[in-house]
PDB file of N, CA and C in Angstrom:
ATOM      1  N   UNK A   1      82.897 108.873 105.132  1.00  0.00           N
ATOM      2  CA  UNK A   1      84.105 108.100 104.924  1.00  0.00           C
ATOM      3  C   UNK A   1      83.727 106.759 104.281  1.00  0.00           C
ATOM      4  N   UNK A   2      84.528 106.354 103.320  1.00  0.00           N
ATOM      5  CA  UNK A   2      84.281 105.082 102.636  1.00  0.00           C
ATOM      6  C   UNK A   2      84.809 103.914 103.456  1.00  0.00           C
ATOM      7  N   UNK A   3      84.120 102.792 103.353  1.00  0.00           N
ATOM      8  CA  UNK A   3      84.641 101.566 103.965  1.00  0.00           C
ATOM      9  C   UNK A   3      85.778 101.044 103.087  1.00  0.00           C
ATOM     10  N   UNK A   4      86.549 100.137 103.608  1.00  0.00           N
ATOM     11  CA  UNK A   4      87.648  99.528 102.845  1.00  0.00           C
ATOM     12  C   UNK A   4      87.094  98.879 101.577  1.00  0.00           C
ATOM     13  N   UNK A   5      85.947  98.210 101.667  1.00  0.00           N
ATOM     14  CA  UNK A   5      85.352  97.535 100.501  1.00  0.00           C
ATOM     15  C   UNK A   5      84.918  98.550  99.447  1.00  0.00           C
ATOM     16  N   UNK A   6      84.323  99.668  99.884  1.00  0.00           N
ATOM     17  CA  UNK A   6      83.896 100.697  98.936  1.00  0.00           C
ATOM     18  C   UNK A   6      85.111 101.326  98.241  1.00  0.00           C
ATOM     19  N   UNK A   7      86.127 101.634  99.014  1.00  0.00           N
ATOM     20  CA  UNK A   7      87.344 102.209  98.442  1.00  0.00           C
ATOM     21  C   UNK A   7      87.984 101.245  97.445  1.00  0.00           C
ATOM     22  N   UNK A   8      88.063  99.971  97.811  1.00  0.00           N
ATOM     23  CA  UNK A   8      88.638  98.974  96.904  1.00  0.00           C
ATOM     24  C   UNK A   8      87.822  98.857  95.618  1.00  0.00           C
ATOM     25  N   UNK A   9      86.492  98.932  95.724  1.00  0.00           N
ATOM     26  CA  UNK A   9      85.640  98.859  94.535  1.00  0.00           C
ATOM     27  C   UNK A   9      85.882 100.011  93.584  1.00  0.00           C
ATOM     28  N   UNK A  10      86.043 101.208  94.127  1.00  0.00           N
ATOM     29  CA  UNK A  10      86.307 102.384  93.295  1.00  0.00           C
ATOM     30  C   UNK A  10      87.685 102.288  92.655  1.00  0.00           C
ATOM     31  N   UNK A  11      88.681 101.878  93.437  1.00  0.00           N
ATOM     32  CA  UNK A  11      90.034 101.722  92.886  1.00  0.00           C
ATOM     33  C   UNK A  11      90.059 100.668  91.780  1.00  0.00           C
ATOM     34  N   UNK A  12      89.366  99.567  91.999  1.00  0.00           N
ATOM     35  CA  UNK A  12      89.308  98.515  90.979  1.00  0.00           C
ATOM     36  C   UNK A  12      88.648  99.020  89.705  1.00  0.00           C
ATOM     37  N   UNK A  13      87.574  99.795  89.852  1.00  0.00           N
ATOM     38  CA  UNK A  13      86.878 100.340  88.678  1.00  0.00           C
ATOM     39  C   UNK A  13      87.794 101.294  87.911  1.00  0.00           C
ATOM     40  N   UNK A  14      88.548 102.128  88.613  1.00  0.00           N
ATOM     41  CA  UNK A  14      89.462 103.069  87.950  1.00  0.00           C
ATOM     42  C   UNK A  14      90.571 102.317  87.213  1.00  0.00           C
ATOM     43  N   UNK A  15      91.136 101.326  87.869  1.00  0.00           N
ATOM     44  CA  UNK A  15      92.211 100.545  87.236  1.00  0.00           C
ATOM     45  C   UNK A  15      91.689  99.789  86.017  1.00  0.00           C
ATOM     46  N   UNK A  16      90.507  99.217  86.129  1.00  0.00           N
ATOM     47  CA  UNK A  16      89.913  98.469  85.009  1.00  0.00           C
ATOM     48  C   UNK A  16      89.660  99.403  83.821  1.00  0.00           C
ATOM     49  N   UNK A  17      89.137 100.596  84.095  1.00  0.00           N
ATOM     50  CA  UNK A  17      88.876 101.562  83.029  1.00  0.00           C
ATOM     51  C   UNK A  17      90.174 101.912  82.298  1.00  0.00           C
ATOM     52  N   UNK A  18      91.234 102.183  83.052  1.00  0.00           N
ATOM     53  CA  UNK A  18      92.517 102.545  82.428  1.00  0.00           C
ATOM     54  C   UNK A  18      93.100 101.389  81.626  1.00  0.00           C
ATOM     55  N   UNK A  19      93.015 100.176  82.176  1.00  0.00           N
ATOM     56  CA  UNK A  19      93.519  98.998  81.447  1.00  0.00           C
ATOM     57  C   UNK A  19      92.768  98.809  80.145  1.00  0.00           C
ATOM     58  N   UNK A  20      91.443  98.860  80.203  1.00  0.00           N
ATOM     59  CA  UNK A  20      90.624  98.621  79.006  1.00  0.00           C
ATOM     60  C   UNK A  20      90.829  99.703  77.950  1.00  0.00           C
ATOM     61  N   UNK A  21      91.119 100.932  78.388  1.00  0.00           N
ATOM     62  CA  UNK A  21      91.355 102.030  77.450  1.00  0.00           C
ATOM     63  C   UNK A  21      92.799 102.053  76.957  1.00  0.00           C
ATOM     64  N   UNK A  22      93.660 101.227  77.559  1.00  0.00           N
ATOM     65  CA  UNK A  22      95.066 101.216  77.179  1.00  0.00           C
ATOM     66  C   UNK A  22      95.820 102.436  77.683  1.00  0.00           C
ATOM     67  N   UNK A  23      95.307 103.064  78.723  1.00  0.00           N
ATOM     68  CA  UNK A  23      95.928 104.277  79.260  1.00  0.00           C
ATOM     69  C   UNK A  23      97.086 103.915  80.171  1.00  0.00           C
ATOM     70  N   UNK A  24      98.265 104.494  79.888  1.00  0.00           N
ATOM     71  CA  UNK A  24      99.464 104.216  80.677  1.00  0.00           C
ATOM     72  C   UNK A  24     100.180 105.525  80.992  1.00  0.00           C
ATOM     73  N   UNK A  25      99.719 106.200  82.005  1.00  0.00           N
ATOM     74  CA  UNK A  25     100.411 107.390  82.486  1.00  0.00           C
ATOM     75  C   UNK A  25      99.679 107.904  83.710  1.00  0.00           C
ATOM     76  N   UNK A  26     100.189 108.980  84.274  1.00  0.00           N
ATOM     77  CA  UNK A  26      99.523 109.580  85.430  1.00  0.00           C
ATOM     78  C   UNK A  26      98.205 110.190  84.988  1.00  0.00           C
ATOM     79  N   UNK A  27      97.246 110.149  85.834  1.00  0.00           N
ATOM     80  CA  UNK A  27      95.947 110.734  85.548  1.00  0.00           C
ATOM     81  C   UNK A  27      95.043 110.555  86.746  1.00  0.00           C
ATOM     82  N   UNK A  28      93.871 111.125  86.647  1.00  0.00           N
ATOM     83  CA  UNK A  28      92.895 111.035  87.725  1.00  0.00           C
ATOM     84  C   UNK A  28      91.577 110.530  87.157  1.00  0.00           C
ATOM     85  N   UNK A  29      91.046 109.491  87.757  1.00  0.00           N
ATOM     86  CA  UNK A  29      89.726 108.996  87.397  1.00  0.00           C
ATOM     87  C   UNK A  29      88.787 109.476  88.497  1.00  0.00           C
ATOM     88  N   UNK A  30      87.752 110.213  88.123  1.00  0.00           N
ATOM     89  CA  UNK A  30      86.852 110.791  89.114  1.00  0.00           C
ATOM     90  C   UNK A  30      85.499 110.087  89.092  1.00  0.00           C
ATOM     91  N   UNK A  31      84.969 109.918  90.285  1.00  0.00           N
ATOM     92  CA  UNK A  31      83.674 109.289  90.474  1.00  0.00           C
ATOM     93  C   UNK A  31      82.819 110.167  91.375  1.00  0.00           C
ATOM     94  N   UNK A  32      81.514 110.031  91.240  1.00  0.00           N
ATOM     95  CA  UNK A  32      80.576 110.619  92.187  1.00  0.00           C
ATOM     96  C   UNK A  32      80.107 109.498  93.093  1.00  0.00           C
ATOM     97  N   UNK A  33      80.009 109.777  94.389  1.00  0.00           N
ATOM     98  CA  UNK A  33      79.599 108.765  95.367  1.00  0.00           C
ATOM     99  C   UNK A  33      78.316 109.209  96.045  1.00  0.00           C
ATOM    100  N   UNK A  34      77.334 108.305  96.115  1.00  0.00           N
ATOM    101  CA  UNK A  34      76.055 108.578  96.771  1.00  0.00           C
ATOM    102  C   UNK A  34      76.019 107.820  98.099  1.00  0.00           C
ATOM    103  N   UNK A  35      76.256 108.501  99.222  1.00  0.00           N
ATOM    104  CA  UNK A  35      76.303 107.808 100.509  1.00  0.00           C
ATOM    105  C   UNK A  35      74.979 107.152 100.905  1.00  0.00           C
ATOM    106  N   UNK A  36      73.863 107.679 100.402  1.00  0.00           N
ATOM    107  CA  UNK A  36      72.569 107.097 100.744  1.00  0.00           C
ATOM    108  C   UNK A  36      72.414 105.673 100.209  1.00  0.00           C
ATOM    109  N   UNK A  37      73.016 105.423  99.055  1.00  0.00           N
ATOM    110  CA  UNK A  37      72.871 104.108  98.410  1.00  0.00           C
ATOM    111  C   UNK A  37      74.183 103.335  98.348  1.00  0.00           C
ATOM    112  N   UNK A  38      75.279 103.975  98.769  1.00  0.00           N
ATOM    113  CA  UNK A  38      76.626 103.379  98.701  1.00  0.00           C
ATOM    114  C   UNK A  38      77.023 103.042  97.266  1.00  0.00           C
ATOM    115  N   UNK A  39      76.477 103.792  96.305  1.00  0.00           N
ATOM    116  CA  UNK A  39      76.817 103.565  94.899  1.00  0.00           C
ATOM    117  C   UNK A  39      77.743 104.672  94.402  1.00  0.00           C
ATOM    118  N   UNK A  40      78.560 104.331  93.414  1.00  0.00           N
ATOM    119  CA  UNK A  40      79.402 105.337  92.792  1.00  0.00           C
ATOM    120  C   UNK A  40      79.215 105.270  91.296  1.00  0.00           C
ATOM    121  N   UNK A  41      79.440 106.416  90.654  1.00  0.00           N
ATOM    122  CA  UNK A  41      79.273 106.510  89.207  1.00  0.00           C
ATOM    123  C   UNK A  41      80.482 107.232  88.622  1.00  0.00           C
ATOM    124  N   UNK A  42      80.933 106.754  87.479  1.00  0.00           N
ATOM    125  CA  UNK A  42      82.059 107.372  86.780  1.00  0.00           C
ATOM    126  C   UNK A  42      81.688 108.785  86.361  1.00  0.00           C
ATOM    127  N   UNK A  43      82.628 109.716  86.537  1.00  0.00           N
ATOM    128  CA  UNK A  43      82.409 111.090  86.131  1.00  0.00           C
ATOM    129  C   UNK A  43      83.336 111.485  84.977  1.00  0.00           C
ATOM    130  N   UNK A  44      84.667 111.368  85.167  1.00  0.00           N
ATOM    131  CA  UNK A  44      85.590 111.762  84.109  1.00  0.00           C
ATOM    132  C   UNK A  44      86.990 111.244  84.390  1.00  0.00           C
ATOM    133  N   UNK A  45      87.809 111.278  83.332  1.00  0.00           N
ATOM    134  CA  UNK A  45      89.238 110.990  83.462  1.00  0.00           C
ATOM    135  C   UNK A  45      89.980 112.258  83.077  1.00  0.00           C
ATOM    136  N   UNK A  46      90.906 112.658  83.927  1.00  0.00           N
ATOM    137  CA  UNK A  46      91.807 113.764  83.603  1.00  0.00           C
ATOM    138  C   UNK A  46      93.162 113.143  83.311  1.00  0.00           C
ATOM    139  N   UNK A  47      93.567 113.214  82.055  1.00  0.00           N
ATOM    140  CA  UNK A  47      94.804 112.565  81.613  1.00  0.00           C
ATOM    141  C   UNK A  47      96.009 113.461  81.872  1.00  0.00           C
ATOM    142  N   UNK A  48      96.137 113.854  83.119  1.00  0.00           N
ATOM    143  CA  UNK A  48      97.242 114.710  83.544  1.00  0.00           C
ATOM    144  C   UNK A  48      97.260 114.689  85.065  1.00  0.00           C
ATOM    145  N   UNK A  49      98.314 115.219  85.631  1.00  0.00           N
ATOM    146  CA  UNK A  49      98.340 115.386  87.078  1.00  0.00           C
ATOM    147  C   UNK A  49      97.403 116.534  87.452  1.00  0.00           C
ATOM    148  N   UNK A  50      96.663 116.349  88.487  1.00  0.00           N
ATOM    149  CA  UNK A  50      95.778 117.393  88.981  1.00  0.00           C
ATOM    150  C   UNK A  50      96.599 118.399  89.783  1.00  0.00           C
ATOM    151  N   UNK A  51      96.093 119.598  89.925  1.00  0.00           N
ATOM    152  CA  UNK A  51      96.780 120.606  90.725  1.00  0.00           C
ATOM    153  C   UNK A  51      96.914 120.133  92.174  1.00  0.00           C
ATOM    154  N   UNK A  52      96.043 119.245  92.617  1.00  0.00           N
ATOM    155  CA  UNK A  52      96.087 118.729  93.991  1.00  0.00           C
ATOM    156  C   UNK A  52      97.042 117.549  94.155  1.00  0.00           C
ATOM    157  N   UNK A  53      97.814 117.207  93.122  1.00  0.00           N
ATOM    158  CA  UNK A  53      98.659 116.017  93.210  1.00  0.00           C
ATOM    159  C   UNK A  53      99.636 116.033  94.382  1.00  0.00           C
ATOM    160  N   UNK A  54     100.083 117.193  94.890  1.00  0.00           N
ATOM    161  CA  UNK A  54     100.963 117.137  96.064  1.00  0.00           C
ATOM    162  C   UNK A  54     100.307 116.482  97.287  1.00  0.00           C
ATOM    163  N   UNK A  55      98.986 116.562  97.393  1.00  0.00           N
ATOM    164  CA  UNK A  55      98.305 115.894  98.511  1.00  0.00           C
ATOM    165  C   UNK A  55      98.514 114.386  98.408  1.00  0.00           C
ATOM    166  N   UNK A  56      98.352 113.840  97.219  1.00  0.00           N
ATOM    167  CA  UNK A  56      98.579 112.409  97.022  1.00  0.00           C
ATOM    168  C   UNK A  56     100.031 112.065  97.299  1.00  0.00           C
ATOM    169  N   UNK A  57     100.940 112.909  96.852  1.00  0.00           N
ATOM    170  CA  UNK A  57     102.357 112.642  97.095  1.00  0.00           C
ATOM    171  C   UNK A  57     102.679 112.623  98.593  1.00  0.00           C
ATOM    172  N   UNK A  58     102.113 113.565  99.334  1.00  0.00           N
ATOM    173  CA  UNK A  58     102.363 113.621 100.775  1.00  0.00           C
ATOM    174  C   UNK A  58     101.754 112.413 101.486  1.00  0.00           C
ATOM    175  N   UNK A  59     100.547 112.031 101.076  1.00  0.00           N
ATOM    176  CA  UNK A  59      99.869 110.934 101.789  1.00  0.00           C
ATOM    177  C   UNK A  59     100.382 109.556 101.405  1.00  0.00           C
ATOM    178  N   UNK A  60     101.016 109.434 100.238  1.00  0.00           N
ATOM    179  CA  UNK A  60     101.523 108.116  99.815  1.00  0.00           C
ATOM    180  C   UNK A  60     103.043 108.008  99.852  1.00  0.00           C
ATOM    181  N   UNK A  61     103.729 109.136  99.810  1.00  0.00           N
ATOM    182  CA  UNK A  61     105.189 109.118  99.790  1.00  0.00           C
ATOM    183  C   UNK A  61     105.777 108.899  98.407  1.00  0.00           C
ATOM    184  N   UNK A  62     104.952 108.955  97.348  1.00  0.00           N
ATOM    185  CA  UNK A  62     105.438 108.751  95.981  1.00  0.00           C
ATOM    186  C   UNK A  62     105.452 110.063  95.216  1.00  0.00           C
ATOM    187  N   UNK A  63     106.503 110.291  94.452  1.00  0.00           N
ATOM    188  CA  UNK A  63     106.641 111.473  93.606  1.00  0.00           C
ATOM    189  C   UNK A  63     105.943 111.183  92.274  1.00  0.00           C
ATOM    190  N   UNK A  64     104.733 111.685  92.115  1.00  0.00           N
ATOM    191  CA  UNK A  64     103.939 111.365  90.927  1.00  0.00           C
ATOM    192  C   UNK A  64     104.534 111.945  89.647  1.00  0.00           C
ATOM    193  N   UNK A  65     105.110 113.129  89.710  1.00  0.00           N
ATOM    194  CA  UNK A  65     105.724 113.707  88.518  1.00  0.00           C
ATOM    195  C   UNK A  65     106.895 112.844  88.050  1.00  0.00           C
ATOM    196  N   UNK A  66     107.720 112.418  88.988  1.00  0.00           N
ATOM    197  CA  UNK A  66     108.836 111.530  88.651  1.00  0.00           C
ATOM    198  C   UNK A  66     108.325 110.233  88.015  1.00  0.00           C
ATOM    199  N   UNK A  67     107.267 109.667  88.590  1.00  0.00           N
ATOM    200  CA  UNK A  67     106.707 108.430  88.043  1.00  0.00           C
ATOM    201  C   UNK A  67     106.118 108.657  86.656  1.00  0.00           C
ATOM    202  N   UNK A  68     105.485 109.803  86.437  1.00  0.00           N
ATOM    203  CA  UNK A  68     104.918 110.120  85.124  1.00  0.00           C
ATOM    204  C   UNK A  68     106.017 110.167  84.068  1.00  0.00           C
ATOM    205  N   UNK A  69     107.127 110.769  84.390  1.00  0.00           N
ATOM    206  CA  UNK A  69     108.249 110.847  83.451  1.00  0.00           C
ATOM    207  C   UNK A  69     108.823 109.454  83.200  1.00  0.00           C
ATOM    208  N   UNK A  70     108.944 108.632  84.244  1.00  0.00           N
ATOM    209  CA  UNK A  70     109.445 107.265  84.085  1.00  0.00           C
ATOM    210  C   UNK A  70     108.559 106.471  83.117  1.00  0.00           C
ATOM    211  N   UNK A  71     107.248 106.551  83.317  1.00  0.00           N
ATOM    212  CA  UNK A  71     106.313 105.792  82.472  1.00  0.00           C
ATOM    213  C   UNK A  71     106.370 106.301  81.027  1.00  0.00           C
ATOM    214  N   UNK A  72     106.444 107.625  80.853  1.00  0.00           N
ATOM    215  CA  UNK A  72     106.524 108.191  79.501  1.00  0.00           C
ATOM    216  C   UNK A  72     107.794 107.732  78.785  1.00  0.00           C
ATOM    217  N   UNK A  73     108.847 107.454  79.551  1.00  0.00           N
ATOM    218  CA  UNK A  73     110.107 106.980  78.977  1.00  0.00           C
ATOM    219  C   UNK A  73     110.114 105.469  78.770  1.00  0.00           C
ATOM    220  N   UNK A  74     108.985 104.819  79.050  1.00  0.00           N
ATOM    221  CA  UNK A  74     108.885 103.377  78.841  1.00  0.00           C
ATOM    222  C   UNK A  74     109.344 102.544  80.023  1.00  0.00           C
ATOM    223  N   UNK A  75     109.653 103.183  81.136  1.00  0.00           N
ATOM    224  CA  UNK A  75     110.081 102.457  82.328  1.00  0.00           C
ATOM    225  C   UNK A  75     108.863 102.050  83.159  1.00  0.00           C
ATOM    226  N   UNK A  76     109.014 101.031  83.972  1.00  0.00           N
ATOM    227  CA  UNK A  76     107.899 100.638  84.844  1.00  0.00           C
ATOM    228  C   UNK A  76     107.806 101.569  86.049  1.00  0.00           C
ATOM    229  N   UNK A  77     106.667 101.533  86.717  1.00  0.00           N
ATOM    230  CA  UNK A  77     106.537 102.255  87.976  1.00  0.00           C
ATOM    231  C   UNK A  77     107.587 101.745  88.957  1.00  0.00           C
ATOM    232  N   UNK A  78     108.022 102.596  89.857  1.00  0.00           N
ATOM    233  CA  UNK A  78     109.021 102.177  90.837  1.00  0.00           C
ATOM    234  C   UNK A  78     108.382 101.511  92.053  1.00  0.00           C
ATOM    235  N   UNK A  79     107.065 101.277  91.988  1.00  0.00           N
ATOM    236  CA  UNK A  79     106.338 100.629  93.075  1.00  0.00           C
ATOM    237  C   UNK A  79     105.207  99.814  92.473  1.00  0.00           C
ATOM    238  N   UNK A  80     104.760  98.767  93.138  1.00  0.00           N
ATOM    239  CA  UNK A  80     103.624  97.990  92.627  1.00  0.00           C
ATOM    240  C   UNK A  80     102.340  98.817  92.727  1.00  0.00           C
ATOM    241  N   UNK A  81     101.696  99.087  91.617  1.00  0.00           N
ATOM    242  CA  UNK A  81     100.529  99.978  91.587  1.00  0.00           C
ATOM    243  C   UNK A  81      99.425  99.546  92.541  1.00  0.00           C
ATOM    244  N   UNK A  82      99.228  98.265  92.704  1.00  0.00           N
ATOM    245  CA  UNK A  82      98.162  97.788  93.575  1.00  0.00           C
ATOM    246  C   UNK A  82      98.490  97.843  95.049  1.00  0.00           C
ATOM    247  N   UNK A  83      99.692  98.293  95.378  1.00  0.00           N
ATOM    248  CA  UNK A  83     100.118  98.293  96.774  1.00  0.00           C
ATOM    249  C   UNK A  83     100.330  99.691  97.341  1.00  0.00           C
ATOM    250  N   UNK A  84      99.723 100.685  96.728  1.00  0.00           N
ATOM    251  CA  UNK A  84      99.849 102.049  97.243  1.00  0.00           C
ATOM    252  C   UNK A  84      99.009 102.167  98.508  1.00  0.00           C
ATOM    253  N   UNK A  85      99.634 102.624  99.571  1.00  0.00           N
ATOM    254  CA  UNK A  85      98.952 102.797 100.847  1.00  0.00           C
ATOM    255  C   UNK A  85      99.032 104.262 101.260  1.00  0.00           C
ATOM    256  N   UNK A  86      97.904 104.800 101.687  1.00  0.00           N
ATOM    257  CA  UNK A  86      97.899 106.154 102.235  1.00  0.00           C
ATOM    258  C   UNK A  86      98.351 106.054 103.680  1.00  0.00           C
ATOM    259  N   UNK A  87      99.444 106.730 103.999  1.00  0.00           N
ATOM    260  CA  UNK A  87     100.056 106.615 105.327  1.00  0.00           C
ATOM    261  C   UNK A  87      99.927 107.876 106.163  1.00  0.00           C
ATOM    262  N   UNK A  88      99.485 108.943 105.545  1.00  0.00           N
ATOM    263  CA  UNK A  88      99.418 110.225 106.245  1.00  0.00           C
ATOM    264  C   UNK A  88      98.133 110.947 105.847  1.00  0.00           C
ATOM    265  N   UNK A  89      97.948 112.112 106.408  1.00  0.00           N
ATOM    266  CA  UNK A  89      96.824 112.983 106.028  1.00  0.00           C
ATOM    267  C   UNK A  89      97.408 114.314 105.564  1.00  0.00           C
ATOM    268  N   UNK A  90      96.683 114.992 104.692  1.00  0.00           N
ATOM    269  CA  UNK A  90      97.134 116.288 104.198  1.00  0.00           C
ATOM    270  C   UNK A  90      95.922 117.139 103.840  1.00  0.00           C
ATOM    271  N   UNK A  91      96.107 118.435 103.971  1.00  0.00           N
ATOM    272  CA  UNK A  91      95.067 119.385 103.580  1.00  0.00           C
ATOM    273  C   UNK A  91      95.712 120.396 102.648  1.00  0.00           C
ATOM    274  N   UNK A  92      95.023 120.695 101.544  1.00  0.00           N
ATOM    275  CA  UNK A  92      95.553 121.692 100.623  1.00  0.00           C
ATOM    276  C   UNK A  92      94.588 122.855 100.577  1.00  0.00           C
TER     277      UNK A  92
END
């Protein structure tokens, strides 16, 4: 399990990558994590919703497909991106 600081570092890296690339839509930024050294490394960006996106929707309460359509239409997210909190657990 990641500490709050480790999780925040990974989230910050993903957000920074998307900002610098000018990416504005739903997607997944994947990292590899080495628990022995507490280091993470960028792996890939999937510029689409992953098949597992319902897990994120259940744990956060946000409809990612709806948000993807809103952003594609030029509308802002309906929630502050930096304030997403996981409130539940889910298994797929």
